[in-house]
Amino acid sequence: MMEQVDTIIKGWYVVTMNPTRDVIRHGAVALRGRDIVAVGKAADIEARYEATETVGGDRFVVTPGMINSHIHITGCLLYTSDAADE
């Protein structure tokens, strides 16, 4: 019997946030709610988990655990260069 998860996110590459920043080609991430349940090869994840939805694909790079992957540097309060004033 397969374990139920909410979402499987698939990517051409999965760049992990572990200490060695392992990169998994044809990878996937299984999510239950907001929690990461598993990270690995897409074939292994799909064989073990049944998801309500599957998103992603070969055009994507997935970075599980990465926070704030998009920021406008001129909007950052910590940025103090003159460029922020322009």
PDB file of N, CA and C in Angstrom:
ATOM      1  N   MET A   1       0.834  -1.183   0.000  1.00  0.00           N
ATOM      2  CA  MET A   1       0.000   0.000   0.000  1.00  0.00           C
ATOM      3  C   MET A   1       0.883   1.253   0.000  1.00  0.00           C
ATOM      4  N   MET A   2       0.512   2.222  -0.837  1.00  0.00           N
ATOM      5  CA  MET A   2       1.285   3.453  -0.956  1.00  0.00           C
ATOM      6  C   MET A   2       0.875   4.434   0.140  1.00  0.00           C
ATOM      7  N   GLU A   3       1.849   5.225   0.584  1.00  0.00           N
ATOM      8  CA  GLU A   3       1.592   6.238   1.593  1.00  0.00           C
ATOM      9  C   GLU A   3       0.992   7.475   0.931  1.00  0.00           C
ATOM     10  N   GLN A   4      -0.036   8.048   1.552  1.00  0.00           N
ATOM     11  CA  GLN A   4      -0.726   9.219   0.993  1.00  0.00           C
ATOM     12  C   GLN A   4       0.010  10.502   1.351  1.00  0.00           C
ATOM     13  N   VAL A   5       0.194  11.364   0.349  1.00  0.00           N
ATOM     14  CA  VAL A   5       0.732  12.718   0.546  1.00  0.00           C
ATOM     15  C   VAL A   5      -0.159  13.683  -0.215  1.00  0.00           C
ATOM     16  N   ASP A   6      -0.013  14.947   0.095  1.00  0.00           N
ATOM     17  CA  ASP A   6      -0.824  15.950  -0.584  1.00  0.00           C
ATOM     18  C   ASP A   6      -0.290  16.289  -1.962  1.00  0.00           C
ATOM     19  N   THR A   7       1.022  16.487  -2.050  1.00  0.00           N
ATOM     20  CA  THR A   7       1.617  16.972  -3.298  1.00  0.00           C
ATOM     21  C   THR A   7       2.956  16.303  -3.561  1.00  0.00           C
ATOM     22  N   ILE A   8       3.205  15.998  -4.820  1.00  0.00           N
ATOM     23  CA  ILE A   8       4.532  15.612  -5.292  1.00  0.00           C
ATOM     24  C   ILE A   8       4.970  16.690  -6.269  1.00  0.00           C
ATOM     25  N   ILE A   9       6.146  17.248  -6.008  1.00  0.00           N
ATOM     26  CA  ILE A   9       6.724  18.260  -6.903  1.00  0.00           C
ATOM     27  C   ILE A   9       7.896  17.606  -7.619  1.00  0.00           C
ATOM     28  N   LYS A  10       7.814  17.557  -8.948  1.00  0.00           N
ATOM     29  CA  LYS A  10       8.862  16.929  -9.749  1.00  0.00           C
ATOM     30  C   LYS A  10       9.707  17.994 -10.430  1.00  0.00           C
ATOM     31  N   GLY A  11      10.989  17.695 -10.629  1.00  0.00           N
ATOM     32  CA  GLY A  11      11.869  18.621 -11.313  1.00  0.00           C
ATOM     33  C   GLY A  11      12.958  17.917 -12.084  1.00  0.00           C
ATOM     34  N   TRP A  12      13.458  18.597 -13.109  1.00  0.00           N
ATOM     35  CA  TRP A  12      14.600  18.075 -13.869  1.00  0.00           C
ATOM     36  C   TRP A  12      15.768  17.873 -12.917  1.00  0.00           C
ATOM     37  N   TYR A  13      15.919  18.862 -12.009  1.00  0.00           N
ATOM     38  CA  TYR A  13      16.903  18.761 -10.943  1.00  0.00           C
ATOM     39  C   TYR A  13      16.237  19.110  -9.621  1.00  0.00           C
ATOM     40  N   VAL A  14      16.617  18.406  -8.570  1.00  0.00           N
ATOM     41  CA  VAL A  14      16.260  18.783  -7.206  1.00  0.00           C
ATOM     42  C   VAL A  14      17.578  19.106  -6.513  1.00  0.00           C
ATOM     43  N   VAL A  15      17.711  20.360  -6.085  1.00  0.00           N
ATOM     44  CA  VAL A  15      18.917  20.804  -5.387  1.00  0.00           C
ATOM     45  C   VAL A  15      18.571  20.804  -3.901  1.00  0.00           C
ATOM     46  N   THR A  16      19.136  19.880  -3.182  1.00  0.00           N
ATOM     47  CA  THR A  16      18.795  19.754  -1.767  1.00  0.00           C
ATOM     48  C   THR A  16      19.467  20.846  -0.948  1.00  0.00           C
ATOM     49  N   MET A  17      18.943  21.069   0.209  1.00  0.00           N
ATOM     50  CA  MET A  17      19.504  22.060   1.115  1.00  0.00           C
ATOM     51  C   MET A  17      20.269  21.368   2.250  1.00  0.00           C
ATOM     52  N   ASN A  18      20.693  20.119   2.009  1.00  0.00           N
ATOM     53  CA  ASN A  18      21.495  19.426   3.020  1.00  0.00           C
ATOM     54  C   ASN A  18      22.923  19.983   3.003  1.00  0.00           C
ATOM     55  N   PRO A  19      23.755  19.621   3.965  1.00  0.00           N
ATOM     56  CA  PRO A  19      25.103  20.220   4.050  1.00  0.00           C
ATOM     57  C   PRO A  19      25.954  20.078   2.784  1.00  0.00           C
ATOM     58  N   THR A  20      25.750  19.013   1.995  1.00  0.00           N
ATOM     59  CA  THR A  20      26.558  18.819   0.791  1.00  0.00           C
ATOM     60  C   THR A  20      25.849  19.301  -0.474  1.00  0.00           C
ATOM     61  N   ARG A  21      24.647  19.857  -0.321  1.00  0.00           N
ATOM     62  CA  ARG A  21      23.860  20.398  -1.438  1.00  0.00           C
ATOM     63  C   ARG A  21      23.760  19.395  -2.592  1.00  0.00           C
ATOM     64  N   ASP A  22      23.392  18.164  -2.257  1.00  0.00           N
ATOM     65  CA  ASP A  22      23.247  17.123  -3.268  1.00  0.00           C
ATOM     66  C   ASP A  22      22.262  17.556  -4.351  1.00  0.00           C
ATOM     67  N   VAL A  23      22.540  17.177  -5.589  1.00  0.00           N
ATOM     68  CA  VAL A  23      21.676  17.465  -6.723  1.00  0.00           C
ATOM     69  C   VAL A  23      21.163  16.141  -7.255  1.00  0.00           C
ATOM     70  N   ILE A  24      19.832  16.033  -7.366  1.00  0.00           N
ATOM     71  CA  ILE A  24      19.203  14.800  -7.828  1.00  0.00           C
ATOM     72  C   ILE A  24      18.576  15.085  -9.187  1.00  0.00           C
ATOM     73  N   ARG A  25      19.067  14.409 -10.221  1.00  0.00           N
ATOM     74  CA  ARG A  25      18.496  14.572 -11.559  1.00  0.00           C
ATOM     75  C   ARG A  25      17.223  13.740 -11.643  1.00  0.00           C
ATOM     76  N   HIS A  26      16.191  14.288 -12.279  1.00  0.00           N
ATOM     77  CA  HIS A  26      14.865  13.657 -12.353  1.00  0.00           C
ATOM     78  C   HIS A  26      14.379  13.354 -10.939  1.00  0.00           C
ATOM     79  N   GLY A  27      14.357  14.377 -10.110  1.00  0.00           N
ATOM     80  CA  GLY A  27      13.994  14.217  -8.713  1.00  0.00           C
ATOM     81  C   GLY A  27      12.576  14.646  -8.413  1.00  0.00           C
ATOM     82  N   ALA A  28      12.196  14.438  -7.150  1.00  0.00           N
ATOM     83  CA  ALA A  28      10.868  14.829  -6.687  1.00  0.00           C
ATOM     84  C   ALA A  28      10.893  15.047  -5.183  1.00  0.00           C
ATOM     85  N   VAL A  29       9.892  15.796  -4.726  1.00  0.00           N
ATOM     86  CA  VAL A  29       9.707  16.074  -3.309  1.00  0.00           C
ATOM     87  C   VAL A  29       8.266  15.722  -2.969  1.00  0.00           C
ATOM     88  N   ALA A  30       8.074  14.960  -1.898  1.00  0.00           N
ATOM     89  CA  ALA A  30       6.728  14.617  -1.431  1.00  0.00           C
ATOM     90  C   ALA A  30       6.383  15.503  -0.242  1.00  0.00           C
ATOM     91  N   LEU A  31       5.187  16.103  -0.277  1.00  0.00           N
ATOM     92  CA  LEU A  31       4.742  17.016   0.774  1.00  0.00           C
ATOM     93  C   LEU A  31       3.442  16.532   1.399  1.00  0.00           C
ATOM     94  N   ARG A  32       3.365  16.679   2.703  1.00  0.00           N
ATOM     95  CA  ARG A  32       2.107  16.472   3.431  1.00  0.00           C
ATOM     96  C   ARG A  32       1.856  17.768   4.184  1.00  0.00           C
ATOM     97  N   GLY A  33       0.848  18.500   3.731  1.00  0.00           N
ATOM     98  CA  GLY A  33       0.646  19.835   4.278  1.00  0.00           C
ATOM     99  C   GLY A  33       1.837  20.699   3.909  1.00  0.00           C
ATOM    100  N   ARG A  34       2.448  21.317   4.919  1.00  0.00           N
ATOM    101  CA  ARG A  34       3.638  22.148   4.689  1.00  0.00           C
ATOM    102  C   ARG A  34       4.928  21.401   4.985  1.00  0.00           C
ATOM    103  N   ASP A  35       4.826  20.136   5.313  1.00  0.00           N
ATOM    104  CA  ASP A  35       6.000  19.340   5.704  1.00  0.00           C
ATOM    105  C   ASP A  35       6.563  18.547   4.534  1.00  0.00           C
ATOM    106  N   ILE A  36       7.889  18.560   4.398  1.00  0.00           N
ATOM    107  CA  ILE A  36       8.580  17.721   3.416  1.00  0.00           C
ATOM    108  C   ILE A  36       8.650  16.321   4.001  1.00  0.00           C
ATOM    109  N   VAL A  37       8.065  15.355   3.295  1.00  0.00           N
ATOM    110  CA  VAL A  37       8.036  13.967   3.744  1.00  0.00           C
ATOM    111  C   VAL A  37       9.221  13.191   3.183  1.00  0.00           C
ATOM    112  N   ALA A  38       9.571  13.467   1.913  1.00  0.00           N
ATOM    113  CA  ALA A  38      10.657  12.725   1.275  1.00  0.00           C
ATOM    114  C   ALA A  38      11.207  13.511   0.097  1.00  0.00           C
ATOM    115  N   VAL A  39      12.491  13.301  -0.182  1.00  0.00           N
ATOM    116  CA  VAL A  39      13.176  13.881  -1.331  1.00  0.00           C
ATOM    117  C   VAL A  39      13.974  12.758  -1.971  1.00  0.00           C
ATOM    118  N   GLY A  40      13.903  12.638  -3.290  1.00  0.00           N
ATOM    119  CA  GLY A  40      14.657  11.575  -3.955  1.00  0.00           C
ATOM    120  C   GLY A  40      14.377  11.540  -5.441  1.00  0.00           C
ATOM    121  N   LYS A  41      14.779  10.444  -6.074  1.00  0.00           N
ATOM    122  CA  LYS A  41      14.502  10.234  -7.492  1.00  0.00           C
ATOM    123  C   LYS A  41      12.989  10.183  -7.690  1.00  0.00           C
ATOM    124  N   ALA A  42      12.494  10.807  -8.751  1.00  0.00           N
ATOM    125  CA  ALA A  42      11.059  10.855  -9.011  1.00  0.00           C
ATOM    126  C   ALA A  42      10.455   9.456  -9.075  1.00  0.00           C
ATOM    127  N   ALA A  43      11.136   8.538  -9.716  1.00  0.00           N
ATOM    128  CA  ALA A  43      10.612   7.173  -9.830  1.00  0.00           C
ATOM    129  C   ALA A  43      10.443   6.529  -8.456  1.00  0.00           C
ATOM    130  N   ASP A  44      11.383   6.767  -7.551  1.00  0.00           N
ATOM    131  CA  ASP A  44      11.300   6.207  -6.197  1.00  0.00           C
ATOM    132  C   ASP A  44      10.179   6.861  -5.393  1.00  0.00           C
ATOM    133  N   ILE A  45      10.052   8.181  -5.507  1.00  0.00           N
ATOM    134  CA  ILE A  45       8.999   8.909  -4.779  1.00  0.00           C
ATOM    135  C   ILE A  45       7.625   8.457  -5.271  1.00  0.00           C
ATOM    136  N   GLU A  46       7.446   8.374  -6.579  1.00  0.00           N
ATOM    137  CA  GLU A  46       6.149   7.982  -7.136  1.00  0.00           C
ATOM    138  C   GLU A  46       5.809   6.527  -6.858  1.00  0.00           C
ATOM    139  N   ALA A  47       6.809   5.684  -6.664  1.00  0.00           N
ATOM    140  CA  ALA A  47       6.559   4.287  -6.327  1.00  0.00           C
ATOM    141  C   ALA A  47       6.125   4.121  -4.867  1.00  0.00           C
ATOM    142  N   ARG A  48       6.532   5.040  -4.021  1.00  0.00           N
ATOM    143  CA  ARG A  48       6.251   4.928  -2.579  1.00  0.00           C
ATOM    144  C   ARG A  48       5.052   5.760  -2.122  1.00  0.00           C
ATOM    145  N   TYR A  49       4.792   6.896  -2.800  1.00  0.00           N
ATOM    146  CA  TYR A  49       3.767   7.837  -2.360  1.00  0.00           C
ATOM    147  C   TYR A  49       2.695   8.043  -3.413  1.00  0.00           C
ATOM    148  N   GLU A  50       1.453   8.179  -2.942  1.00  0.00           N
ATOM    149  CA  GLU A  50       0.331   8.533  -3.802  1.00  0.00           C
ATOM    150  C   GLU A  50      -0.082   9.944  -3.420  1.00  0.00           C
ATOM    151  N   ALA A  51      -0.143  10.837  -4.414  1.00  0.00           N
ATOM    152  CA  ALA A  51      -0.405  12.250  -4.147  1.00  0.00           C
ATOM    153  C   ALA A  51      -1.759  12.679  -4.677  1.00  0.00           C
ATOM    154  N   THR A  52      -2.348  13.643  -3.974  1.00  0.00           N
ATOM    155  CA  THR A  52      -3.575  14.270  -4.444  1.00  0.00           C
ATOM    156  C   THR A  52      -3.297  15.062  -5.709  1.00  0.00           C
ATOM    157  N   GLU A  53      -2.121  15.707  -5.758  1.00  0.00           N
ATOM    158  CA  GLU A  53      -1.730  16.439  -6.959  1.00  0.00           C
ATOM    159  C   GLU A  53      -0.237  16.269  -7.207  1.00  0.00           C
ATOM    160  N   THR A  54       0.128  16.313  -8.475  1.00  0.00           N
ATOM    161  CA  THR A  54       1.531  16.284  -8.883  1.00  0.00           C
ATOM    162  C   THR A  54       1.770  17.495  -9.768  1.00  0.00           C
ATOM    163  N   VAL A  55       2.822  18.244  -9.443  1.00  0.00           N
ATOM    164  CA  VAL A  55       3.152  19.447 -10.207  1.00  0.00           C
ATOM    165  C   VAL A  55       4.619  19.402 -10.598  1.00  0.00           C
ATOM    166  N   GLY A  56       4.995  20.328 -11.502  1.00  0.00           N
ATOM    167  CA  GLY A  56       6.391  20.413 -11.920  1.00  0.00           C
ATOM    168  C   GLY A  56       6.600  19.746 -13.254  1.00  0.00           C
ATOM    169  N   GLY A  57       7.846  19.419 -13.528  1.00  0.00           N
ATOM    170  CA  GLY A  57       8.177  18.779 -14.785  1.00  0.00           C
ATOM    171  C   GLY A  57       9.630  18.995 -15.156  1.00  0.00           C
ATOM    172  N   ASP A  58       9.952  18.640 -16.384  1.00  0.00           N
ATOM    173  CA  ASP A  58      11.337  18.660 -16.843  1.00  0.00           C
ATOM    174  C   ASP A  58      11.928  20.051 -16.976  1.00  0.00           C
ATOM    175  N   ARG A  59      11.128  21.109 -16.947  1.00  0.00           N
ATOM    176  CA  ARG A  59      11.670  22.466 -17.080  1.00  0.00           C
ATOM    177  C   ARG A  59      12.070  23.065 -15.742  1.00  0.00           C
ATOM    178  N   PHE A  60      11.846  22.369 -14.641  1.00  0.00           N
ATOM    179  CA  PHE A  60      11.963  22.972 -13.332  1.00  0.00           C
ATOM    180  C   PHE A  60      13.157  22.495 -12.521  1.00  0.00           C
ATOM    181  N   VAL A  61      13.649  23.402 -11.675  1.00  0.00           N
ATOM    182  CA  VAL A  61      14.631  23.070 -10.652  1.00  0.00           C
ATOM    183  C   VAL A  61      13.916  23.265  -9.324  1.00  0.00           C
ATOM    184  N   VAL A  62      13.910  22.236  -8.498  1.00  0.00           N
ATOM    185  CA  VAL A  62      13.219  22.272  -7.211  1.00  0.00           C
ATOM    186  C   VAL A  62      14.274  22.393  -6.111  1.00  0.00           C
ATOM    187  N   THR A  63      14.036  23.308  -5.168  1.00  0.00           N
ATOM    188  CA  THR A  63      14.974  23.507  -4.060  1.00  0.00           C
ATOM    189  C   THR A  63      14.220  23.390  -2.741  1.00  0.00           C
ATOM    190  N   PRO A  64      13.964  22.157  -2.278  1.00  0.00           N
ATOM    191  CA  PRO A  64      13.200  21.982  -1.047  1.00  0.00           C
ATOM    192  C   PRO A  64      13.945  22.543   0.158  1.00  0.00           C
ATOM    193  N   GLY A  65      13.231  23.272   0.981  1.00  0.00           N
ATOM    194  CA  GLY A  65      13.828  23.845   2.178  1.00  0.00           C
ATOM    195  C   GLY A  65      14.448  25.200   1.985  1.00  0.00           C
ATOM    196  N   MET A  66      14.515  25.681   0.750  1.00  0.00           N
ATOM    197  CA  MET A  66      15.086  27.004   0.515  1.00  0.00           C
ATOM    198  C   MET A  66      14.023  28.053   0.810  1.00  0.00           C
ATOM    199  N   ILE A  67      14.383  29.036   1.569  1.00  0.00           N
ATOM    200  CA  ILE A  67      13.454  30.091   1.960  1.00  0.00           C
ATOM    201  C   ILE A  67      13.795  31.368   1.189  1.00  0.00           C
ATOM    202  N   ASN A  68      12.773  32.119   0.778  1.00  0.00           N
ATOM    203  CA  ASN A  68      12.941  33.415   0.138  1.00  0.00           C
ATOM    204  C   ASN A  68      13.822  33.333  -1.109  1.00  0.00           C
ATOM    205  N   SER A  69      13.378  32.556  -2.083  1.00  0.00           N
ATOM    206  CA  SER A  69      14.159  32.386  -3.306  1.00  0.00           C
ATOM    207  C   SER A  69      13.999  33.549  -4.281  1.00  0.00           C
ATOM    208  N   HIS A  70      13.158  34.523  -3.957  1.00  0.00           N
ATOM    209  CA  HIS A  70      12.957  35.671  -4.832  1.00  0.00           C
ATOM    210  C   HIS A  70      12.944  36.936  -3.977  1.00  0.00           C
ATOM    211  N   ILE A  71      13.775  37.868  -4.330  1.00  0.00           N
ATOM    212  CA  ILE A  71      13.805  39.132  -3.594  1.00  0.00           C
ATOM    213  C   ILE A  71      14.243  40.234  -4.545  1.00  0.00           C
ATOM    214  N   HIS A  72      13.643  41.400  -4.397  1.00  0.00           N
ATOM    215  CA  HIS A  72      14.093  42.579  -5.124  1.00  0.00           C
ATOM    216  C   HIS A  72      15.084  43.294  -4.219  1.00  0.00           C
ATOM    217  N   ILE A  73      16.330  43.360  -4.626  1.00  0.00           N
ATOM    218  CA  ILE A  73      17.382  43.854  -3.735  1.00  0.00           C
ATOM    219  C   ILE A  73      17.130  45.297  -3.304  1.00  0.00           C
ATOM    220  N   THR A  74      16.483  46.104  -4.128  1.00  0.00           N
ATOM    221  CA  THR A  74      16.223  47.487  -3.723  1.00  0.00           C
ATOM    222  C   THR A  74      15.146  47.565  -2.648  1.00  0.00           C
ATOM    223  N   GLY A  75      14.420  46.490  -2.428  1.00  0.00           N
ATOM    224  CA  GLY A  75      13.400  46.479  -1.388  1.00  0.00           C
ATOM    225  C   GLY A  75      13.889  45.869  -0.093  1.00  0.00           C
ATOM    226  N   CYS A  76      15.107  45.438  -0.053  1.00  0.00           N
ATOM    227  CA  CYS A  76      15.652  44.774   1.134  1.00  0.00           C
ATOM    228  C   CYS A  76      16.111  45.807   2.152  1.00  0.00           C
ATOM    229  N   LEU A  77      15.637  45.709   3.366  1.00  0.00           N
ATOM    230  CA  LEU A  77      16.005  46.663   4.411  1.00  0.00           C
ATOM    231  C   LEU A  77      17.482  46.604   4.785  1.00  0.00           C
ATOM    232  N   LEU A  78      18.128  45.475   4.522  1.00  0.00           N
ATOM    233  CA  LEU A  78      19.536  45.331   4.879  1.00  0.00           C
ATOM    234  C   LEU A  78      20.471  45.904   3.817  1.00  0.00           C
ATOM    235  N   TYR A  79      19.940  46.242   2.663  1.00  0.00           N
ATOM    236  CA  TYR A  79      20.740  46.750   1.562  1.00  0.00           C
ATOM    237  C   TYR A  79      20.934  48.256   1.750  1.00  0.00           C
ATOM    238  N   THR A  80      22.175  48.700   1.862  1.00  0.00           N
ATOM    239  CA  THR A  80      22.407  50.108   2.180  1.00  0.00           C
ATOM    240  C   THR A  80      23.182  50.871   1.113  1.00  0.00           C
ATOM    241  N   SER A  81      23.308  50.324  -0.063  1.00  0.00           N
ATOM    242  CA  SER A  81      24.037  50.990  -1.142  1.00  0.00           C
ATOM    243  C   SER A  81      23.247  52.188  -1.663  1.00  0.00           C
ATOM    244  N   ASP A  82      23.924  53.088  -2.336  1.00  0.00           N
ATOM    245  CA  ASP A  82      23.274  54.221  -2.975  1.00  0.00           C
ATOM    246  C   ASP A  82      22.278  53.779  -4.047  1.00  0.00           C
ATOM    247  N   ALA A  83      22.474  52.592  -4.620  1.00  0.00           N
ATOM    248  CA  ALA A  83      21.574  52.089  -5.654  1.00  0.00           C
ATOM    249  C   ALA A  83      20.151  51.927  -5.107  1.00  0.00           C
ATOM    250  N   ALA A  84      20.008  51.702  -3.818  1.00  0.00           N
ATOM    251  CA  ALA A  84      18.692  51.549  -3.219  1.00  0.00           C
ATOM    252  C   ALA A  84      17.913  52.847  -3.225  1.00  0.00           C
ATOM    253  N   ASP A  85      18.620  53.987  -3.302  1.00  0.00           N
ATOM    254  CA  ASP A  85      17.964  55.293  -3.292  1.00  0.00           C
ATOM    255  C   ASP A  85      17.526  55.742  -4.670  1.00  0.00           C
ATOM    256  N   GLU A  86      17.956  55.059  -5.699  1.00  0.00           N
ATOM    257  CA  GLU A  86      17.643  55.483  -7.079  1.00  0.00           C
ATOM    258  C   GLU A  86      16.302  54.959  -7.518  1.00  0.00           C
TER     259      GLU A  86
END
